[in-house]
Amino acid sequence: MNRKLIALIVVIILIAAPIGYVVYAYQGFEKVLNPGTPKGVSHYVIIYSNGEFYVLSASKYSQFISNGGKLPPASKAYNVTLKSYITGSPEVDLNITLRSFYDRFTIVIGSPSVQECKTNPTAYLGNCDMRTVAVSEISALVANLFSINYYLKAKSMGYDNVSAKQYAYEQTQLRHDITYLSFWTKLSIGRGSLGNQKNLAVLLIGPAEGAKCNCVYAPRKGLLVIEGKTDATLRAEIVLIENVIGFKWPQGNQTKLVNVTG
């Protein structure tokens, strides 16, 4: 075979291989958002009324309405579906995903357009106030859970209570990232280097990112997708997550949550 032809083939391979890998990884991200038929689903209604959130199963809410119940004026109701792709139980999936021990955690707060909320809020496709609240809430929630695990690790290593708390705080500060859903973030999720058993990733998908459902799911362990057609729905979904995993905020947090699930 002609040497020039061989050289050309080698060059083509060297160029095509990286491009093919990038395309493959990007397609992997698309599969993350469209993982197929879930093993199980649960339906909930989150009601926001008078500064408080109420979380009901869809059946309880339907029963409430059929019995003549009415929501107070100005109340808002959010219908949310939890999907399971790991165990068959959405509630178990949530607990496994958020309460497992990780080396790091990353909050993907949305597309780069979220940055418009700082400089030009009217250009943002969504509600900047609600997205900000949703980001703050999920970041604080995951940081608390992460810190608890490292506190327990410190205690197992013989640290006293004060030292264990300090260790947990320091490790949480060192081991977290907040990023946007950029092209490279999508590649990292698609190829599995982000959102895995060592690096928990929580991904917010709202109107600015083209959300197609009001749903929460973990397509694989270490990756949690919170998807809502409005930013207010994202906020409500995070409240639902707190409810499902039985999370209680430390004293002083102002989040109000009333458990009326059934």
C-alpha atoms as a PDB file:
ATOM      1  CA  MET A   1       0.000   0.000   0.000  1.00  0.00           C
ATOM      2  CA  ASN A   2       1.209   3.486  -0.877  1.00  0.00           C
ATOM      3  CA  ARG A   3       2.877   5.224   2.064  1.00  0.00           C
ATOM      4  CA  LYS A   4       0.989   8.435   1.402  1.00  0.00           C
ATOM      5  CA  LEU A   5      -2.269   6.528   1.508  1.00  0.00           C
ATOM      6  CA  ILE A   6      -1.302   4.885   4.784  1.00  0.00           C
ATOM      7  CA  ALA A   7      -0.375   8.263   6.252  1.00  0.00           C
ATOM      8  CA  LEU A   8      -3.692   9.698   5.114  1.00  0.00           C
ATOM      9  CA  ILE A   9      -5.594   6.837   6.717  1.00  0.00           C
ATOM     10  CA  VAL A  10      -3.682   7.330   9.977  1.00  0.00           C
ATOM     11  CA  VAL A  11      -4.456  11.057   9.964  1.00  0.00           C
ATOM     12  CA  ILE A  12      -8.130  10.376   9.303  1.00  0.00           C
ATOM     13  CA  ILE A  13      -8.244   7.890  12.182  1.00  0.00           C
ATOM     14  CA  LEU A  14      -6.523  10.341  14.543  1.00  0.00           C
ATOM     15  CA  ILE A  15      -9.054  13.022  13.680  1.00  0.00           C
ATOM     16  CA  ALA A  16     -12.142  10.848  13.451  1.00  0.00           C
ATOM     17  CA  ALA A  17     -11.602   8.922  16.689  1.00  0.00           C
ATOM     18  CA  PRO A  18     -11.796  11.955  19.037  1.00  0.00           C
ATOM     19  CA  ILE A  19     -14.748  13.376  17.121  1.00  0.00           C
ATOM     20  CA  GLY A  20     -16.518  10.027  17.302  1.00  0.00           C
ATOM     21  CA  TYR A  21     -15.887   9.840  21.038  1.00  0.00           C
ATOM     22  CA  VAL A  22     -17.313  13.326  21.585  1.00  0.00           C
ATOM     23  CA  VAL A  23     -20.408  12.490  19.544  1.00  0.00           C
ATOM     24  CA  TYR A  24     -20.844   9.229  21.476  1.00  0.00           C
ATOM     25  CA  ALA A  25     -20.520  11.005  24.837  1.00  0.00           C
ATOM     26  CA  TYR A  26     -22.964  13.730  23.822  1.00  0.00           C
ATOM     27  CA  GLN A  27     -25.493  11.136  22.689  1.00  0.00           C
ATOM     28  CA  GLY A  28     -24.989   9.513  26.084  1.00  0.00           C
ATOM     29  CA  PHE A  29     -26.188  12.701  27.738  1.00  0.00           C
ATOM     30  CA  GLU A  30     -29.322  12.706  25.593  1.00  0.00           C
ATOM     31  CA  LYS A  31     -30.012   9.166  26.752  1.00  0.00           C
ATOM     32  CA  VAL A  32     -29.676  10.336  30.357  1.00  0.00           C
ATOM     33  CA  LEU A  33     -32.603  12.708  29.868  1.00  0.00           C
ATOM     34  CA  ASN A  34     -34.553  10.090  27.930  1.00  0.00           C
ATOM     35  CA  PRO A  35     -33.800   6.823  29.751  1.00  0.00           C
ATOM     36  CA  GLY A  36     -36.879   4.998  28.500  1.00  0.00           C
ATOM     37  CA  THR A  37     -39.668   3.288  30.405  1.00  0.00           C
ATOM     38  CA  PRO A  38     -39.158   3.475  34.184  1.00  0.00           C
ATOM     39  CA  LYS A  39     -39.355   0.424  36.426  1.00  0.00           C
ATOM     40  CA  GLY A  40     -41.843   2.203  38.661  1.00  0.00           C
ATOM     41  CA  VAL A  41     -43.531   5.561  39.151  1.00  0.00           C
ATOM     42  CA  SER A  42     -45.154   7.501  41.975  1.00  0.00           C
ATOM     43  CA  HIS A  43     -47.379  10.534  41.593  1.00  0.00           C
ATOM     44  CA  TYR A  44     -47.526  13.425  44.035  1.00  0.00           C
ATOM     45  CA  VAL A  45     -49.179  16.821  44.366  1.00  0.00           C
ATOM     46  CA  ILE A  46     -47.282  19.583  46.142  1.00  0.00           C
ATOM     47  CA  ILE A  47     -49.461  22.440  47.350  1.00  0.00           C
ATOM     48  CA  TYR A  48     -48.088  25.853  48.239  1.00  0.00           C
ATOM     49  CA  SER A  49     -50.453  27.847  50.444  1.00  0.00           C
ATOM     50  CA  ASN A  50     -49.907  30.679  52.909  1.00  0.00           C
ATOM     51  CA  GLY A  51     -46.138  30.255  52.941  1.00  0.00           C
ATOM     52  CA  GLU A  52     -46.208  26.500  53.596  1.00  0.00           C
ATOM     53  CA  PHE A  53     -45.776  23.420  51.422  1.00  0.00           C
ATOM     54  CA  TYR A  54     -48.072  20.419  51.709  1.00  0.00           C
ATOM     55  CA  VAL A  55     -47.083  17.146  50.056  1.00  0.00           C
ATOM     56  CA  LEU A  56     -49.782  14.614  49.178  1.00  0.00           C
ATOM     57  CA  SER A  57     -49.850  11.467  47.137  1.00  0.00           C
ATOM     58  CA  ALA A  58     -51.915  11.928  43.982  1.00  0.00           C
ATOM     59  CA  SER A  59     -54.538   9.511  45.299  1.00  0.00           C
ATOM     60  CA  LYS A  60     -54.902  11.454  48.561  1.00  0.00           C
ATOM     61  CA  TYR A  61     -55.248  14.696  46.659  1.00  0.00           C
ATOM     62  CA  SER A  62     -57.856  13.187  44.343  1.00  0.00           C
ATOM     63  CA  GLN A  63     -59.770  11.921  47.367  1.00  0.00           C
ATOM     64  CA  PHE A  64     -59.584  15.367  48.946  1.00  0.00           C
ATOM     65  CA  ILE A  65     -61.020  17.013  45.829  1.00  0.00           C
ATOM     66  CA  SER A  66     -63.705  14.357  45.286  1.00  0.00           C
ATOM     67  CA  ASN A  67     -64.890  14.866  48.861  1.00  0.00           C
ATOM     68  CA  GLY A  68     -65.519  18.524  48.115  1.00  0.00           C
ATOM     69  CA  GLY A  69     -62.218  19.875  49.343  1.00  0.00           C
ATOM     70  CA  LYS A  70     -61.020  23.205  47.974  1.00  0.00           C
ATOM     71  CA  LEU A  71     -57.640  24.875  48.113  1.00  0.00           C
ATOM     72  CA  PRO A  72     -57.414  28.263  49.822  1.00  0.00           C
ATOM     73  CA  PRO A  73     -57.346  31.311  47.511  1.00  0.00           C
ATOM     74  CA  ALA A  74     -53.974  32.002  45.825  1.00  0.00           C
ATOM     75  CA  SER A  75     -52.797  28.451  46.510  1.00  0.00           C
ATOM     76  CA  LYS A  76     -50.743  26.665  43.875  1.00  0.00           C
ATOM     77  CA  ALA A  77     -50.698  22.932  43.152  1.00  0.00           C
ATOM     78  CA  TYR A  78     -47.852  21.155  41.366  1.00  0.00           C
ATOM     79  CA  ASN A  79     -48.280  17.664  39.921  1.00  0.00           C
ATOM     80  CA  VAL A  80     -44.991  15.773  39.994  1.00  0.00           C
ATOM     81  CA  THR A  81     -44.011  12.258  38.940  1.00  0.00           C
ATOM     82  CA  LEU A  82     -41.171  10.347  40.567  1.00  0.00           C
ATOM     83  CA  LYS A  83     -39.606   7.742  38.292  1.00  0.00           C
ATOM     84  CA  SER A  84     -37.453   4.758  39.191  1.00  0.00           C
ATOM     85  CA  TYR A  85     -34.739   3.342  36.939  1.00  0.00           C
ATOM     86  CA  ILE A  86     -32.670   1.610  39.628  1.00  0.00           C
ATOM     87  CA  THR A  87     -34.727  -0.403  42.131  1.00  0.00           C
ATOM     88  CA  GLY A  88     -38.301  -0.093  40.904  1.00  0.00           C
ATOM     89  CA  SER A  89     -39.216   2.170  43.829  1.00  0.00           C
ATOM     90  CA  PRO A  90     -38.766   5.923  43.154  1.00  0.00           C
ATOM     91  CA  GLU A  91     -38.613   6.635  46.871  1.00  0.00           C
ATOM     92  CA  VAL A  92     -35.849   4.078  47.405  1.00  0.00           C
ATOM     93  CA  ASP A  93     -33.958   5.432  44.389  1.00  0.00           C
ATOM     94  CA  LEU A  94     -34.013   8.922  45.883  1.00  0.00           C
ATOM     95  CA  ASN A  95     -32.690   7.746  49.232  1.00  0.00           C
ATOM     96  CA  ILE A  96     -29.953   5.630  47.665  1.00  0.00           C
ATOM     97  CA  THR A  97     -28.867   8.427  45.362  1.00  0.00           C
ATOM     98  CA  LEU A  98     -28.789  11.252  47.891  1.00  0.00           C
ATOM     99  CA  ARG A  99     -27.729   9.465  51.063  1.00  0.00           C
ATOM    100  CA  SER A 100     -24.860   7.379  49.706  1.00  0.00           C
ATOM    101  CA  PHE A 101     -21.239   8.276  50.465  1.00  0.00           C
ATOM    102  CA  TYR A 102     -19.449  10.177  47.663  1.00  0.00           C
ATOM    103  CA  ASP A 103     -16.001  11.671  47.108  1.00  0.00           C
ATOM    104  CA  ARG A 104     -17.510  14.824  45.602  1.00  0.00           C
ATOM    105  CA  PHE A 105     -20.809  16.385  44.633  1.00  0.00           C
ATOM    106  CA  THR A 106     -21.688  18.745  41.797  1.00  0.00           C
ATOM    107  CA  ILE A 107     -24.797  20.901  41.411  1.00  0.00           C
ATOM    108  CA  VAL A 108     -25.558  21.626  37.757  1.00  0.00           C
ATOM    109  CA  ILE A 109     -27.718  24.710  38.179  1.00  0.00           C
ATOM    110  CA  GLY A 110     -28.921  24.971  34.585  1.00  0.00           C
ATOM    111  CA  SER A 111     -27.897  26.211  31.155  1.00  0.00           C
ATOM    112  CA  PRO A 112     -25.407  29.088  30.821  1.00  0.00           C
ATOM    113  CA  SER A 113     -28.421  31.348  30.216  1.00  0.00           C
ATOM    114  CA  VAL A 114     -29.063  31.207  33.973  1.00  0.00           C
ATOM    115  CA  GLN A 115     -26.228  33.725  34.224  1.00  0.00           C
ATOM    116  CA  GLU A 116     -28.625  36.255  32.717  1.00  0.00           C
ATOM    117  CA  CYS A 117     -30.329  36.391  36.110  1.00  0.00           C
ATOM    118  CA  LYS A 118     -27.338  38.358  37.406  1.00  0.00           C
ATOM    119  CA  THR A 119     -27.106  40.875  34.582  1.00  0.00           C
ATOM    120  CA  ASN A 120     -30.292  40.854  32.507  1.00  0.00           C
ATOM    121  CA  PRO A 121     -33.151  38.938  34.195  1.00  0.00           C
ATOM    122  CA  THR A 122     -35.663  39.817  31.490  1.00  0.00           C
ATOM    123  CA  ALA A 123     -33.587  37.863  28.967  1.00  0.00           C
ATOM    124  CA  TYR A 124     -33.856  34.657  30.998  1.00  0.00           C
ATOM    125  CA  LEU A 125     -36.403  32.121  29.795  1.00  0.00           C
ATOM    126  CA  GLY A 126     -38.035  31.435  33.138  1.00  0.00           C
ATOM    127  CA  ASN A 127     -38.349  32.944  36.610  1.00  0.00           C
ATOM    128  CA  CYS A 128     -35.029  34.132  38.035  1.00  0.00           C
ATOM    129  CA  ASP A 129     -36.325  34.390  41.590  1.00  0.00           C
ATOM    130  CA  MET A 130     -37.647  30.834  41.605  1.00  0.00           C
ATOM    131  CA  ARG A 131     -34.526  29.424  39.941  1.00  0.00           C
ATOM    132  CA  THR A 132     -32.363  31.152  42.533  1.00  0.00           C
ATOM    133  CA  VAL A 133     -34.445  29.721  45.370  1.00  0.00           C
ATOM    134  CA  ALA A 134     -34.373  26.245  43.783  1.00  0.00           C
ATOM    135  CA  VAL A 135     -30.586  26.367  43.358  1.00  0.00           C
ATOM    136  CA  SER A 136     -30.063  27.554  46.926  1.00  0.00           C
ATOM    137  CA  GLU A 137     -32.391  24.906  48.348  1.00  0.00           C
ATOM    138  CA  ILE A 138     -30.948  21.915  46.493  1.00  0.00           C
ATOM    139  CA  SER A 139     -27.367  23.077  47.108  1.00  0.00           C
ATOM    140  CA  ALA A 140     -28.001  23.391  50.842  1.00  0.00           C
ATOM    141  CA  LEU A 141     -29.831  20.055  50.962  1.00  0.00           C
ATOM    142  CA  VAL A 142     -27.063  18.097  49.220  1.00  0.00           C
ATOM    143  CA  ALA A 143     -24.349  19.856  51.237  1.00  0.00           C
ATOM    144  CA  ASN A 144     -26.113  18.903  54.479  1.00  0.00           C
ATOM    145  CA  LEU A 145     -26.415  15.255  53.455  1.00  0.00           C
ATOM    146  CA  PHE A 146     -22.790  15.192  52.284  1.00  0.00           C
ATOM    147  CA  SER A 147     -21.638  16.775  55.530  1.00  0.00           C
ATOM    148  CA  ILE A 148     -23.544  14.209  57.597  1.00  0.00           C
ATOM    149  CA  ASN A 149     -21.688  11.370  55.884  1.00  0.00           C
ATOM    150  CA  TYR A 150     -18.303  12.967  56.511  1.00  0.00           C
ATOM    151  CA  TYR A 151     -19.264  13.698  60.121  1.00  0.00           C
ATOM    152  CA  LEU A 152     -20.014  10.011  60.594  1.00  0.00           C
ATOM    153  CA  LYS A 153     -16.730   9.132  58.903  1.00  0.00           C
ATOM    154  CA  ALA A 154     -14.856  11.417  61.299  1.00  0.00           C
ATOM    155  CA  LYS A 155     -16.592   9.860  64.288  1.00  0.00           C
ATOM    156  CA  SER A 156     -15.611   6.405  63.049  1.00  0.00           C
ATOM    157  CA  MET A 157     -11.990   7.625  62.949  1.00  0.00           C
ATOM    158  CA  GLY A 158     -12.177   8.626  66.617  1.00  0.00           C
ATOM    159  CA  TYR A 159     -12.806  12.377  66.299  1.00  0.00           C
ATOM    160  CA  ASP A 160     -14.715  14.062  69.119  1.00  0.00           C
ATOM    161  CA  ASN A 161     -17.986  15.824  68.308  1.00  0.00           C
ATOM    162  CA  VAL A 162     -16.521  19.292  67.731  1.00  0.00           C
ATOM    163  CA  SER A 163     -13.628  18.018  65.622  1.00  0.00           C
ATOM    164  CA  ALA A 164     -15.948  15.771  63.611  1.00  0.00           C
ATOM    165  CA  LYS A 165     -18.187  18.715  62.761  1.00  0.00           C
ATOM    166  CA  GLN A 166     -15.198  20.789  61.701  1.00  0.00           C
ATOM    167  CA  TYR A 167     -13.873  17.926  59.580  1.00  0.00           C
ATOM    168  CA  ALA A 168     -17.263  17.486  57.910  1.00  0.00           C
ATOM    169  CA  TYR A 169     -17.492  21.206  57.162  1.00  0.00           C
ATOM    170  CA  GLU A 170     -13.992  21.372  55.683  1.00  0.00           C
ATOM    171  CA  GLN A 171     -14.495  18.276  53.536  1.00  0.00           C
ATOM    172  CA  THR A 172     -17.805  19.584  52.222  1.00  0.00           C
ATOM    173  CA  GLN A 173     -16.180  22.875  51.237  1.00  0.00           C
ATOM    174  CA  LEU A 174     -13.320  21.088  49.485  1.00  0.00           C
ATOM    175  CA  ARG A 175     -15.379  18.486  47.673  1.00  0.00           C
ATOM    176  CA  HIS A 176     -18.202  20.357  45.946  1.00  0.00           C
ATOM    177  CA  ASP A 177     -18.678  22.143  42.634  1.00  0.00           C
ATOM    178  CA  ILE A 178     -21.396  24.293  41.108  1.00  0.00           C
ATOM    179  CA  THR A 179     -21.476  24.475  37.340  1.00  0.00           C
ATOM    180  CA  TYR A 180     -23.671  25.236  34.346  1.00  0.00           C
ATOM    181  CA  LEU A 181     -25.044  22.778  31.843  1.00  0.00           C
ATOM    182  CA  SER A 182     -22.466  23.641  29.215  1.00  0.00           C
ATOM    183  CA  PHE A 183     -21.398  21.487  26.282  1.00  0.00           C
ATOM    184  CA  TRP A 184     -18.513  20.076  28.325  1.00  0.00           C
ATOM    185  CA  THR A 185     -20.742  19.339  31.308  1.00  0.00           C
ATOM    186  CA  LYS A 186     -23.049  17.389  29.012  1.00  0.00           C
ATOM    187  CA  LEU A 187     -20.053  15.430  27.726  1.00  0.00           C
ATOM    188  CA  SER A 188     -18.913  14.649  31.284  1.00  0.00           C
ATOM    189  CA  ILE A 189     -22.376  13.373  32.211  1.00  0.00           C
ATOM    190  CA  GLY A 190     -22.698  11.465  28.946  1.00  0.00           C
ATOM    191  CA  ARG A 191     -19.404   9.620  29.343  1.00  0.00           C
ATOM    192  CA  GLY A 192     -20.050   8.968  33.016  1.00  0.00           C
ATOM    193  CA  SER A 193     -17.206  10.957  34.574  1.00  0.00           C
ATOM    194  CA  LEU A 194     -19.784  13.145  36.301  1.00  0.00           C
ATOM    195  CA  GLY A 195     -22.798  11.701  38.045  1.00  0.00           C
ATOM    196  CA  ASN A 196     -21.482   8.333  39.170  1.00  0.00           C
ATOM    197  CA  GLN A 197     -20.806   6.311  42.314  1.00  0.00           C
ATOM    198  CA  LYS A 198     -17.947   8.635  43.317  1.00  0.00           C
ATOM    199  CA  ASN A 199     -19.176  12.039  42.153  1.00  0.00           C
ATOM    200  CA  LEU A 200     -22.829  12.818  42.807  1.00  0.00           C
ATOM    201  CA  ALA A 201     -24.339  15.176  40.248  1.00  0.00           C
ATOM    202  CA  VAL A 202     -27.701  16.898  40.662  1.00  0.00           C
ATOM    203  CA  LEU A 203     -29.040  18.321  37.428  1.00  0.00           C
ATOM    204  CA  LEU A 204     -31.714  21.033  37.240  1.00  0.00           C
ATOM    205  CA  ILE A 205     -33.742  21.051  34.028  1.00  0.00           C
ATOM    206  CA  GLY A 206     -36.286  23.862  33.775  1.00  0.00           C
ATOM    207  CA  PRO A 207     -37.913  25.959  31.052  1.00  0.00           C
ATOM    208  CA  ALA A 208     -34.549  27.444  30.028  1.00  0.00           C
ATOM    209  CA  GLU A 209     -33.231  23.922  29.399  1.00  0.00           C
ATOM    210  CA  GLY A 210     -36.316  22.684  27.553  1.00  0.00           C
ATOM    211  CA  ALA A 211     -37.955  20.628  30.322  1.00  0.00           C
ATOM    212  CA  LYS A 212     -40.507  18.157  28.991  1.00  0.00           C
ATOM    213  CA  CYS A 213     -42.069  16.958  32.243  1.00  0.00           C
ATOM    214  CA  ASN A 214     -42.544  17.694  35.925  1.00  0.00           C
ATOM    215  CA  CYS A 215     -40.548  14.737  37.151  1.00  0.00           C
ATOM    216  CA  VAL A 216     -37.660  13.612  39.327  1.00  0.00           C
ATOM    217  CA  TYR A 217     -35.536  10.560  38.595  1.00  0.00           C
ATOM    218  CA  ALA A 218     -32.120   8.955  38.969  1.00  0.00           C
ATOM    219  CA  PRO A 219     -31.190   7.380  35.623  1.00  0.00           C
ATOM    220  CA  ARG A 220     -28.176   5.806  37.351  1.00  0.00           C
ATOM    221  CA  LYS A 221     -26.671   5.835  40.809  1.00  0.00           C
ATOM    222  CA  GLY A 222     -24.958   9.122  41.504  1.00  0.00           C
ATOM    223  CA  LEU A 223     -27.028  11.176  39.088  1.00  0.00           C
ATOM    224  CA  LEU A 224     -30.264  12.921  40.021  1.00  0.00           C
ATOM    225  CA  VAL A 225     -32.377  14.818  37.483  1.00  0.00           C
ATOM    226  CA  ILE A 226     -34.889  17.385  38.731  1.00  0.00           C
ATOM    227  CA  GLU A 227     -37.022  18.456  35.792  1.00  0.00           C
ATOM    228  CA  GLY A 228     -39.833  21.011  35.832  1.00  0.00           C
ATOM    229  CA  LYS A 229     -41.636  22.989  33.149  1.00  0.00           C
ATOM    230  CA  THR A 230     -41.483  26.072  35.383  1.00  0.00           C
ATOM    231  CA  ASP A 231     -38.858  27.213  37.859  1.00  0.00           C
ATOM    232  CA  ALA A 232     -41.523  27.302  40.564  1.00  0.00           C
ATOM    233  CA  THR A 233     -42.119  23.605  39.896  1.00  0.00           C
ATOM    234  CA  LEU A 234     -38.407  22.923  40.399  1.00  0.00           C
ATOM    235  CA  ARG A 235     -38.687  24.529  43.823  1.00  0.00           C
ATOM    236  CA  ALA A 236     -41.720  22.407  44.687  1.00  0.00           C
ATOM    237  CA  GLU A 237     -39.941  19.248  43.498  1.00  0.00           C
ATOM    238  CA  ILE A 238     -37.063  19.891  45.861  1.00  0.00           C
ATOM    239  CA  VAL A 239     -39.549  20.164  48.720  1.00  0.00           C
ATOM    240  CA  LEU A 240     -40.971  16.821  47.601  1.00  0.00           C
ATOM    241  CA  ILE A 241     -37.492  15.290  47.651  1.00  0.00           C
ATOM    242  CA  GLU A 242     -36.930  16.521  51.212  1.00  0.00           C
ATOM    243  CA  ASN A 243     -40.251  14.988  52.198  1.00  0.00           C
ATOM    244  CA  VAL A 244     -39.604  11.632  50.539  1.00  0.00           C
ATOM    245  CA  ILE A 245     -36.155  11.118  52.058  1.00  0.00           C
ATOM    246  CA  GLY A 246     -37.319  12.349  55.474  1.00  0.00           C
ATOM    247  CA  PHE A 247     -34.835  15.199  55.608  1.00  0.00           C
ATOM    248  CA  LYS A 248     -35.117  17.630  58.513  1.00  0.00           C
ATOM    249  CA  TRP A 249     -33.397  20.994  58.303  1.00  0.00           C
ATOM    250  CA  PRO A 250     -31.122  22.069  61.136  1.00  0.00           C
ATOM    251  CA  GLN A 251     -32.698  24.484  63.568  1.00  0.00           C
ATOM    252  CA  GLY A 252     -32.855  27.988  62.169  1.00  0.00           C
ATOM    253  CA  ASN A 253     -33.679  27.126  58.568  1.00  0.00           C
ATOM    254  CA  GLN A 254     -36.870  28.870  57.513  1.00  0.00           C
ATOM    255  CA  THR A 255     -38.164  26.221  55.111  1.00  0.00           C
ATOM    256  CA  LYS A 256     -41.666  25.197  56.117  1.00  0.00           C
ATOM    257  CA  LEU A 257     -42.774  21.680  55.272  1.00  0.00           C
ATOM    258  CA  VAL A 258     -45.918  19.920  56.396  1.00  0.00           C
ATOM    259  CA  ASN A 259     -45.958  16.144  55.967  1.00  0.00           C
ATOM    260  CA  VAL A 260     -49.382  14.938  54.896  1.00  0.00           C
ATOM    261  CA  THR A 261     -48.333  12.149  52.545  1.00  0.00           C
ATOM    262  CA  GLY A 262     -50.272   8.955  52.482  1.00  0.00           C
END
